[in-house]
PDB file of all heavy atoms in Angstrom:
ATOM      1  N   LEU A   1    -103.120 123.982 115.777  1.00  0.00           N
ATOM      2  CA  LEU A   1    -103.300 122.634 115.265  1.00  0.00           C
ATOM      3  C   LEU A   1    -101.982 121.872 115.365  1.00  0.00           C
ATOM      4  O   LEU A   1    -100.912 122.447 115.139  1.00  0.00           O
ATOM      5  CB  LEU A   1    -103.762 122.664 113.807  1.00  0.00           C
ATOM      6  CG  LEU A   1    -105.159 123.229 113.547  1.00  0.00           C
ATOM      7  CD1 LEU A   1    -105.458 123.231 112.042  1.00  0.00           C
ATOM      8  CD2 LEU A   1    -106.220 122.450 114.296  1.00  0.00           C
ATOM      9  N   VAL A   2    -102.080 120.588 115.712  1.00  0.00           N
ATOM     10  CA  VAL A   2    -100.903 119.723 115.786  1.00  0.00           C
ATOM     11  C   VAL A   2    -101.158 118.487 114.925  1.00  0.00           C
ATOM     12  O   VAL A   2    -102.294 118.035 114.804  1.00  0.00           O
ATOM     13  CB  VAL A   2    -100.575 119.311 117.245  1.00  0.00           C
ATOM     14  CG1 VAL A   2    -100.187 120.519 118.068  1.00  0.00           C
ATOM     15  CG2 VAL A   2    -101.730 118.584 117.894  1.00  0.00           C
ATOM     16  N   THR A   3    -100.086 117.968 114.328  1.00  0.00           N
ATOM     17  CA  THR A   3    -100.256 116.807 113.459  1.00  0.00           C
ATOM     18  C   THR A   3     -99.003 115.949 113.413  1.00  0.00           C
ATOM     19  O   THR A   3     -97.888 116.465 113.479  1.00  0.00           O
ATOM     20  CB  THR A   3    -100.635 117.228 112.026  1.00  0.00           C
ATOM     21  OG1 THR A   3    -100.877 116.057 111.242  1.00  0.00           O
ATOM     22  CG2 THR A   3     -99.555 118.070 111.367  1.00  0.00           C
ATOM     23  N   ALA A   4     -99.216 114.657 113.277  1.00  0.00           N
ATOM     24  CA  ALA A   4     -98.120 113.715 113.058  1.00  0.00           C
ATOM     25  C   ALA A   4     -97.851 113.564 111.564  1.00  0.00           C
ATOM     26  O   ALA A   4     -96.851 112.959 111.173  1.00  0.00           O
ATOM     27  CB  ALA A   4     -98.459 112.357 113.670  1.00  0.00           C
ATOM     28  N   TYR A   5     -98.742 114.093 110.749  1.00  0.00           N
ATOM     29  CA  TYR A   5     -98.641 113.957 109.293  1.00  0.00           C
ATOM     30  C   TYR A   5     -98.716 115.333 108.635  1.00  0.00           C
ATOM     31  O   TYR A   5     -99.743 115.697 108.060  1.00  0.00           O
ATOM     32  CB  TYR A   5     -99.760 113.054 108.757  1.00  0.00           C
ATOM     33  CG  TYR A   5     -99.818 111.731 109.475  1.00  0.00           C
ATOM     34  CD1 TYR A   5    -100.741 111.512 110.486  1.00  0.00           C
ATOM     35  CD2 TYR A   5     -98.914 110.719 109.152  1.00  0.00           C
ATOM     36  CE1 TYR A   5    -100.775 110.302 111.167  1.00  0.00           C
ATOM     37  CE2 TYR A   5     -98.935 109.510 109.830  1.00  0.00           C
ATOM     38  CZ  TYR A   5     -99.866 109.313 110.827  1.00  0.00           C
ATOM     39  OH  TYR A   5     -99.895 108.116 111.500  1.00  0.00           O
ATOM     40  N   PRO A   6     -97.633 116.115 108.714  1.00  0.00           N
ATOM     41  CA  PRO A   6     -97.663 117.469 108.147  1.00  0.00           C
ATOM     42  C   PRO A   6     -97.995 117.444 106.657  1.00  0.00           C
ATOM     43  O   PRO A   6     -97.503 116.601 105.915  1.00  0.00           O
ATOM     44  CB  PRO A   6     -96.248 117.994 108.375  1.00  0.00           C
ATOM     45  CG  PRO A   6     -95.620 117.088 109.366  1.00  0.00           C
ATOM     46  CD  PRO A   6     -96.335 115.780 109.287  1.00  0.00           C
ATOM     47  N   ASP A   7     -98.834 118.362 106.258  1.00  0.00           N
ATOM     48  CA  ASP A   7     -99.253 118.494 104.869  1.00  0.00           C
ATOM     49  C   ASP A   7     -99.281 119.987 104.566  1.00  0.00           C
ATOM     50  O   ASP A   7    -100.033 120.738 105.205  1.00  0.00           O
ATOM     51  CB  ASP A   7    -100.643 117.870 104.699  1.00  0.00           C
ATOM     52  CG  ASP A   7    -101.167 117.970 103.291  1.00  0.00           C
ATOM     53  OD1 ASP A   7    -101.197 119.092 102.727  1.00  0.00           O
ATOM     54  OD2 ASP A   7    -101.566 116.932 102.743  1.00  0.00           O
ATOM     55  N   GLU A   8     -98.481 120.423 103.623  1.00  0.00           N
ATOM     56  CA  GLU A   8     -98.348 121.844 103.329  1.00  0.00           C
ATOM     57  C   GLU A   8     -99.671 122.464 102.870  1.00  0.00           C
ATOM     58  O   GLU A   8     -99.973 123.604 103.221  1.00  0.00           O
ATOM     59  CB  GLU A   8     -97.259 122.084 102.287  1.00  0.00           C
ATOM     60  CG  GLU A   8     -96.950 123.545 102.031  1.00  0.00           C
ATOM     61  CD  GLU A   8     -96.565 124.341 103.281  1.00  0.00           C
ATOM     62  OE1 GLU A   8     -95.973 123.779 104.228  1.00  0.00           O
ATOM     63  OE2 GLU A   8     -96.864 125.553 103.320  1.00  0.00           O
ATOM     64  N   LEU A   9    -100.472 121.729 102.109  1.00  0.00           N
ATOM     65  CA  LEU A   9    -101.767 122.280 101.670  1.00  0.00           C
ATOM     66  C   LEU A   9    -102.714 122.476 102.846  1.00  0.00           C
ATOM     67  O   LEU A   9    -103.400 123.498 102.934  1.00  0.00           O
ATOM     68  CB  LEU A   9    -102.401 121.375 100.612  1.00  0.00           C
ATOM     69  CG  LEU A   9    -101.689 121.335  99.264  1.00  0.00           C
ATOM     70  CD1 LEU A   9    -102.345 120.313  98.345  1.00  0.00           C
ATOM     71  CD2 LEU A   9    -101.677 122.712  98.624  1.00  0.00           C
ATOM     72  N   VAL A  10    -102.755 121.501 103.755  1.00  0.00           N
ATOM     73  CA  VAL A  10    -103.609 121.617 104.942  1.00  0.00           C
ATOM     74  C   VAL A  10    -103.114 122.774 105.811  1.00  0.00           C
ATOM     75  O   VAL A  10    -103.898 123.578 106.312  1.00  0.00           O
ATOM     76  CB  VAL A  10    -103.626 120.295 105.751  1.00  0.00           C
ATOM     77  CG1 VAL A  10    -104.366 120.456 107.063  1.00  0.00           C
ATOM     78  CG2 VAL A  10    -104.245 119.180 104.913  1.00  0.00           C
ATOM     79  N   ARG A  11    -101.800 122.873 105.993  1.00  0.00           N
ATOM     80  CA  ARG A  11    -101.208 123.954 106.784  1.00  0.00           C
ATOM     81  C   ARG A  11    -101.582 125.316 106.209  1.00  0.00           C
ATOM     82  O   ARG A  11    -102.047 126.210 106.918  1.00  0.00           O
ATOM     83  CB  ARG A  11     -99.687 123.805 106.824  1.00  0.00           C
ATOM     84  CG  ARG A  11     -98.973 124.933 107.552  1.00  0.00           C
ATOM     85  CD  ARG A  11     -97.441 124.822 107.356  1.00  0.00           C
ATOM     86  NE  ARG A  11     -96.786 126.003 107.828  1.00  0.00           N
ATOM     87  CZ  ARG A  11     -96.713 127.161 107.166  1.00  0.00           C
ATOM     88  NH1 ARG A  11     -97.238 127.281 105.965  1.00  0.00           N
ATOM     89  NH2 ARG A  11     -96.105 128.202 107.690  1.00  0.00           N
ATOM     90  N   LYS A  12    -101.385 125.467 104.899  1.00  0.00           N
ATOM     91  CA  LYS A  12    -101.653 126.749 104.248  1.00  0.00           C
ATOM     92  C   LYS A  12    -103.128 127.138 104.382  1.00  0.00           C
ATOM     93  O   LYS A  12    -103.444 128.275 104.722  1.00  0.00           O
ATOM     94  CB  LYS A  12    -101.246 126.675 102.776  1.00  0.00           C
ATOM     95  CG  LYS A  12    -101.327 127.997 102.070  1.00  0.00           C
ATOM     96  CD  LYS A  12    -100.777 127.895 100.662  1.00  0.00           C
ATOM     97  CE  LYS A  12    -100.850 129.252  99.986  1.00  0.00           C
ATOM     98  NZ  LYS A  12    -100.316 129.218  98.627  1.00  0.00           N
ATOM     99  N   ARG A  13    -104.011 126.194 104.158  1.00  0.00           N
ATOM    100  CA  ARG A  13    -105.448 126.487 104.257  1.00  0.00           C
ATOM    101  C   ARG A  13    -105.827 126.844 105.692  1.00  0.00           C
ATOM    102  O   ARG A  13    -106.584 127.786 105.930  1.00  0.00           O
ATOM    103  CB  ARG A  13    -106.266 125.271 103.792  1.00  0.00           C
ATOM    104  CG  ARG A  13    -107.731 125.358 104.153  1.00  0.00           C
ATOM    105  CD  ARG A  13    -108.625 125.558 102.964  1.00  0.00           C
ATOM    106  NE  ARG A  13    -109.957 125.957 103.354  1.00  0.00           N
ATOM    107  CZ  ARG A  13    -111.010 125.168 103.374  1.00  0.00           C
ATOM    108  NH1 ARG A  13    -110.898 123.904 103.018  1.00  0.00           N
ATOM    109  NH2 ARG A  13    -112.187 125.632 103.723  1.00  0.00           N
ATOM    110  N   ALA A  14    -105.295 126.088 106.664  1.00  0.00           N
ATOM    111  CA  ALA A  14    -105.609 126.354 108.073  1.00  0.00           C
ATOM    112  C   ALA A  14    -105.153 127.757 108.472  1.00  0.00           C
ATOM    113  O   ALA A  14    -105.901 128.499 109.122  1.00  0.00           O
ATOM    114  CB  ALA A  14    -104.965 125.294 108.963  1.00  0.00           C
ATOM    115  N   LEU A  15    -103.938 128.129 108.085  1.00  0.00           N
ATOM    116  CA  LEU A  15    -103.435 129.461 108.429  1.00  0.00           C
ATOM    117  C   LEU A  15    -104.233 130.545 107.727  1.00  0.00           C
ATOM    118  O   LEU A  15    -104.523 131.600 108.316  1.00  0.00           O
ATOM    119  CB  LEU A  15    -101.948 129.567 108.112  1.00  0.00           C
ATOM    120  CG  LEU A  15    -101.026 128.674 108.964  1.00  0.00           C
ATOM    121  CD1 LEU A  15     -99.592 128.743 108.461  1.00  0.00           C
ATOM    122  CD2 LEU A  15    -101.109 129.034 110.432  1.00  0.00           C
ATOM    123  N   GLN A  16    -104.638 130.304 106.480  1.00  0.00           N
ATOM    124  CA  GLN A  16    -105.480 131.269 105.763  1.00  0.00           C
ATOM    125  C   GLN A  16    -106.838 131.412 106.439  1.00  0.00           C
ATOM    126  O   GLN A  16    -107.413 132.499 106.466  1.00  0.00           O
ATOM    127  CB  GLN A  16    -105.664 130.855 104.309  1.00  0.00           C
ATOM    128  CG  GLN A  16    -104.440 131.065 103.464  1.00  0.00           C
ATOM    129  CD  GLN A  16    -104.584 130.502 102.052  1.00  0.00           C
ATOM    130  OE1 GLN A  16    -105.436 129.655 101.776  1.00  0.00           O
ATOM    131  NE2 GLN A  16    -103.722 130.954 101.156  1.00  0.00           N
ATOM    132  N   ASP A  17    -107.360 130.312 106.983  1.00  0.00           N
ATOM    133  CA  ASP A  17    -108.653 130.345 107.669  1.00  0.00           C
ATOM    134  C   ASP A  17    -108.572 131.081 109.007  1.00  0.00           C
ATOM    135  O   ASP A  17    -109.596 131.431 109.575  1.00  0.00           O
ATOM    136  CB  ASP A  17    -109.176 128.925 107.912  1.00  0.00           C
ATOM    137  CG  ASP A  17    -109.708 128.264 106.648  1.00  0.00           C
ATOM    138  OD1 ASP A  17    -109.879 128.964 105.620  1.00  0.00           O
ATOM    139  OD2 ASP A  17    -109.956 127.040 106.691  1.00  0.00           O
ATOM    140  N   GLY A  18    -107.344 131.243 109.546  1.00  0.00           N
ATOM    141  CA  GLY A  18    -107.200 131.973 110.801  1.00  0.00           C
ATOM    142  C   GLY A  18    -106.601 131.183 111.948  1.00  0.00           C
ATOM    143  O   GLY A  18    -106.481 131.709 113.061  1.00  0.00           O
ATOM    144  N   VAL A  19    -106.242 129.910 111.708  1.00  0.00           N
ATOM    145  CA  VAL A  19    -105.578 129.130 112.751  1.00  0.00           C
ATOM    146  C   VAL A  19    -104.269 129.836 113.094  1.00  0.00           C
ATOM    147  O   VAL A  19    -103.564 130.328 112.212  1.00  0.00           O
ATOM    148  CB  VAL A  19    -105.326 127.681 112.265  1.00  0.00           C
ATOM    149  CG1 VAL A  19    -104.355 126.954 113.178  1.00  0.00           C
ATOM    150  CG2 VAL A  19    -106.647 126.930 112.167  1.00  0.00           C
ATOM    151  N   LEU A  20    -103.945 129.895 114.368  1.00  0.00           N
ATOM    152  CA  LEU A  20    -102.785 130.645 114.824  1.00  0.00           C
ATOM    153  C   LEU A  20    -101.467 129.942 114.522  1.00  0.00           C
ATOM    154  O   LEU A  20    -100.533 130.554 114.024  1.00  0.00           O
ATOM    155  CB  LEU A  20    -102.916 130.891 116.336  1.00  0.00           C
ATOM    156  CG  LEU A  20    -101.873 131.779 116.960  1.00  0.00           C
ATOM    157  CD1 LEU A  20    -101.964 133.189 116.402  1.00  0.00           C
ATOM    158  CD2 LEU A  20    -102.039 131.791 118.462  1.00  0.00           C
ATOM    159  N   CYS A  21    -101.374 128.651 114.856  1.00  0.00           N
ATOM    160  CA  CYS A  21    -100.143 127.886 114.644  1.00  0.00           C
ATOM    161  C   CYS A  21    -100.491 126.499 114.122  1.00  0.00           C
ATOM    162  O   CYS A  21    -101.536 125.947 114.465  1.00  0.00           O
ATOM    163  CB  CYS A  21     -99.351 127.720 115.943  1.00  0.00           C
ATOM    164  SG  CYS A  21     -98.682 129.232 116.638  1.00  0.00           S
ATOM    165  N   TYR A  22     -99.589 125.946 113.341  1.00  0.00           N
ATOM    166  CA  TYR A  22     -99.708 124.587 112.808  1.00  0.00           C
ATOM    167  C   TYR A  22     -98.393 123.904 113.140  1.00  0.00           C
ATOM    168  O   TYR A  22     -97.350 124.243 112.581  1.00  0.00           O
ATOM    169  CB  TYR A  22     -99.941 124.660 111.291  1.00  0.00           C
ATOM    170  CG  TYR A  22    -100.141 123.352 110.589  1.00  0.00           C
ATOM    171  CD1 TYR A  22    -101.418 122.853 110.356  1.00  0.00           C
ATOM    172  CD2 TYR A  22     -99.049 122.624 110.120  1.00  0.00           C
ATOM    173  CE1 TYR A  22    -101.603 121.659 109.670  1.00  0.00           C
ATOM    174  CE2 TYR A  22     -99.226 121.421 109.443  1.00  0.00           C
ATOM    175  CZ  TYR A  22    -100.518 120.951 109.226  1.00  0.00           C
ATOM    176  OH  TYR A  22    -100.698 119.765 108.550  1.00  0.00           O
ATOM    177  N   LEU A  23     -98.422 122.973 114.102  1.00  0.00           N
ATOM    178  CA  LEU A  23     -97.210 122.358 114.629  1.00  0.00           C
ATOM    179  C   LEU A  23     -97.158 120.872 114.297  1.00  0.00           C
ATOM    180  O   LEU A  23     -98.178 120.187 114.326  1.00  0.00           O
ATOM    181  CB  LEU A  23     -97.143 122.535 116.144  1.00  0.00           C
ATOM    182  CG  LEU A  23     -97.259 123.969 116.665  1.00  0.00           C
ATOM    183  CD1 LEU A  23     -97.255 123.965 118.178  1.00  0.00           C
ATOM    184  CD2 LEU A  23     -96.147 124.832 116.111  1.00  0.00           C
ATOM    185  N   SER A  24     -95.952 120.389 114.041  1.00  0.00           N
ATOM    186  CA  SER A  24     -95.739 118.967 113.778  1.00  0.00           C
ATOM    187  C   SER A  24     -95.385 118.244 115.063  1.00  0.00           C
ATOM    188  O   SER A  24     -94.684 118.787 115.919  1.00  0.00           O
ATOM    189  CB  SER A  24     -94.604 118.779 112.772  1.00  0.00           C
ATOM    190  OG  SER A  24     -94.942 119.359 111.537  1.00  0.00           O
ATOM    191  N   LYS A  25     -95.882 117.011 115.186  1.00  0.00           N
ATOM    192  CA  LYS A  25     -95.510 116.146 116.310  1.00  0.00           C
ATOM    193  C   LYS A  25     -94.176 115.490 115.979  1.00  0.00           C
ATOM    194  O   LYS A  25     -93.951 115.151 114.821  1.00  0.00           O
ATOM    195  CB  LYS A  25     -96.569 115.065 116.533  1.00  0.00           C
ATOM    196  CG  LYS A  25     -97.924 115.592 116.947  1.00  0.00           C
ATOM    197  CD  LYS A  25     -98.907 114.441 117.057  1.00  0.00           C
ATOM    198  CE  LYS A  25    -100.320 114.907 117.333  1.00  0.00           C
ATOM    199  NZ  LYS A  25    -101.266 113.791 117.370  1.00  0.00           N
ATOM    200  N   PRO A  26     -93.307 115.270 116.926  1.00  0.00           N
ATOM    201  CA  PRO A  26     -93.441 115.708 118.314  1.00  0.00           C
ATOM    202  C   PRO A  26     -93.329 117.229 118.394  1.00  0.00           C
ATOM    203  O   PRO A  26     -92.507 117.839 117.708  1.00  0.00           O
ATOM    204  CB  PRO A  26     -92.278 115.026 119.031  1.00  0.00           C
ATOM    205  CG  PRO A  26     -91.259 114.778 117.958  1.00  0.00           C
ATOM    206  CD  PRO A  26     -92.038 114.589 116.686  1.00  0.00           C
ATOM    207  N   VAL A  27     -94.167 117.811 119.217  1.00  0.00           N
ATOM    208  CA  VAL A  27     -94.247 119.259 119.335  1.00  0.00           C
ATOM    209  C   VAL A  27     -93.053 119.779 120.130  1.00  0.00           C
ATOM    210  O   VAL A  27     -92.718 119.240 121.182  1.00  0.00           O
ATOM    211  CB  VAL A  27     -95.579 119.658 120.019  1.00  0.00           C
ATOM    212  CG1 VAL A  27     -95.617 121.141 120.322  1.00  0.00           C
ATOM    213  CG2 VAL A  27     -96.759 119.261 119.147  1.00  0.00           C
ATOM    214  N   ASP A  28     -92.424 120.817 119.601  1.00  0.00           N
ATOM    215  CA  ASP A  28     -91.342 121.495 120.304  1.00  0.00           C
ATOM    216  C   ASP A  28     -91.963 122.310 121.443  1.00  0.00           C
ATOM    217  O   ASP A  28     -92.811 123.174 121.202  1.00  0.00           O
ATOM    218  CB  ASP A  28     -90.589 122.405 119.326  1.00  0.00           C
ATOM    219  CG  ASP A  28     -89.515 123.210 119.999  1.00  0.00           C
ATOM    220  OD1 ASP A  28     -88.375 122.704 120.111  1.00  0.00           O
ATOM    221  OD2 ASP A  28     -89.815 124.342 120.438  1.00  0.00           O
ATOM    222  N   ASP A  29     -91.551 122.024 122.688  1.00  0.00           N
ATOM    223  CA  ASP A  29     -92.138 122.677 123.860  1.00  0.00           C
ATOM    224  C   ASP A  29     -92.055 124.201 123.785  1.00  0.00           C
ATOM    225  O   ASP A  29     -93.021 124.901 124.103  1.00  0.00           O
ATOM    226  CB  ASP A  29     -91.453 122.201 125.144  1.00  0.00           C
ATOM    227  CG  ASP A  29     -91.632 120.718 125.403  1.00  0.00           C
ATOM    228  OD1 ASP A  29     -92.324 120.039 124.621  1.00  0.00           O
ATOM    229  OD2 ASP A  29     -91.059 120.232 126.397  1.00  0.00           O
ATOM    230  N   ASP A  30     -90.901 124.721 123.377  1.00  0.00           N
ATOM    231  CA  ASP A  30     -90.724 126.177 123.320  1.00  0.00           C
ATOM    232  C   ASP A  30     -91.620 126.807 122.258  1.00  0.00           C
ATOM    233  O   ASP A  30     -92.176 127.883 122.472  1.00  0.00           O
ATOM    234  CB  ASP A  30     -89.263 126.531 123.033  1.00  0.00           C
ATOM    235  CG  ASP A  30     -88.343 126.167 124.189  1.00  0.00           C
ATOM    236  OD1 ASP A  30     -88.809 126.135 125.348  1.00  0.00           O
ATOM    237  OD2 ASP A  30     -87.154 125.904 123.931  1.00  0.00           O
ATOM    238  N   HIS A  31     -91.759 126.144 121.119  1.00  0.00           N
ATOM    239  CA  HIS A  31     -92.621 126.673 120.057  1.00  0.00           C
ATOM    240  C   HIS A  31     -94.084 126.668 120.524  1.00  0.00           C
ATOM    241  O   HIS A  31     -94.816 127.639 120.306  1.00  0.00           O
ATOM    242  CB  HIS A  31     -92.446 125.854 118.782  1.00  0.00           C
ATOM    243  CG  HIS A  31     -92.939 126.556 117.564  1.00  0.00           C
ATOM    244  ND1 HIS A  31     -92.735 126.071 116.308  1.00  0.00           N
ATOM    245  CD2 HIS A  31     -93.638 127.697 117.389  1.00  0.00           C
ATOM    246  CE1 HIS A  31     -93.294 126.875 115.422  1.00  0.00           C
ATOM    247  NE2 HIS A  31     -93.845 127.874 116.060  1.00  0.00           N
ATOM    248  N   LEU A  32     -94.493 125.592 121.181  1.00  0.00           N
ATOM    249  CA  LEU A  32     -95.851 125.533 121.712  1.00  0.00           C
ATOM    250  C   LEU A  32     -96.077 126.661 122.710  1.00  0.00           C
ATOM    251  O   LEU A  32     -97.102 127.343 122.663  1.00  0.00           O
ATOM    252  CB  LEU A  32     -96.119 124.182 122.379  1.00  0.00           C
ATOM    253  CG  LEU A  32     -97.473 124.060 123.076  1.00  0.00           C
ATOM    254  CD1 LEU A  32     -98.618 124.185 122.083  1.00  0.00           C
ATOM    255  CD2 LEU A  32     -97.561 122.752 123.835  1.00  0.00           C
ATOM    256  N   GLU A  33     -95.125 126.885 123.590  1.00  0.00           N
ATOM    257  CA  GLU A  33     -95.271 127.951 124.587  1.00  0.00           C
ATOM    258  C   GLU A  33     -95.392 129.320 123.920  1.00  0.00           C
ATOM    259  O   GLU A  33     -96.223 130.142 124.314  1.00  0.00           O
ATOM    260  CB  GLU A  33     -94.095 127.929 125.560  1.00  0.00           C
ATOM    261  CG  GLU A  33     -94.271 128.898 126.714  1.00  0.00           C
ATOM    262  CD  GLU A  33     -93.180 128.799 127.751  1.00  0.00           C
ATOM    263  OE1 GLU A  33     -92.147 128.139 127.514  1.00  0.00           O
ATOM    264  OE2 GLU A  33     -93.368 129.393 128.827  1.00  0.00           O
TER     265      GLU A  33
END
């Protein structure tokens, strides 16, 4: 998941649900890779 509006609660829930990564825009190319 990528977002321009990082939210710690959304991040935590997404990762608990099984999302692999939660990245903030602008996305770091190396982290995305």
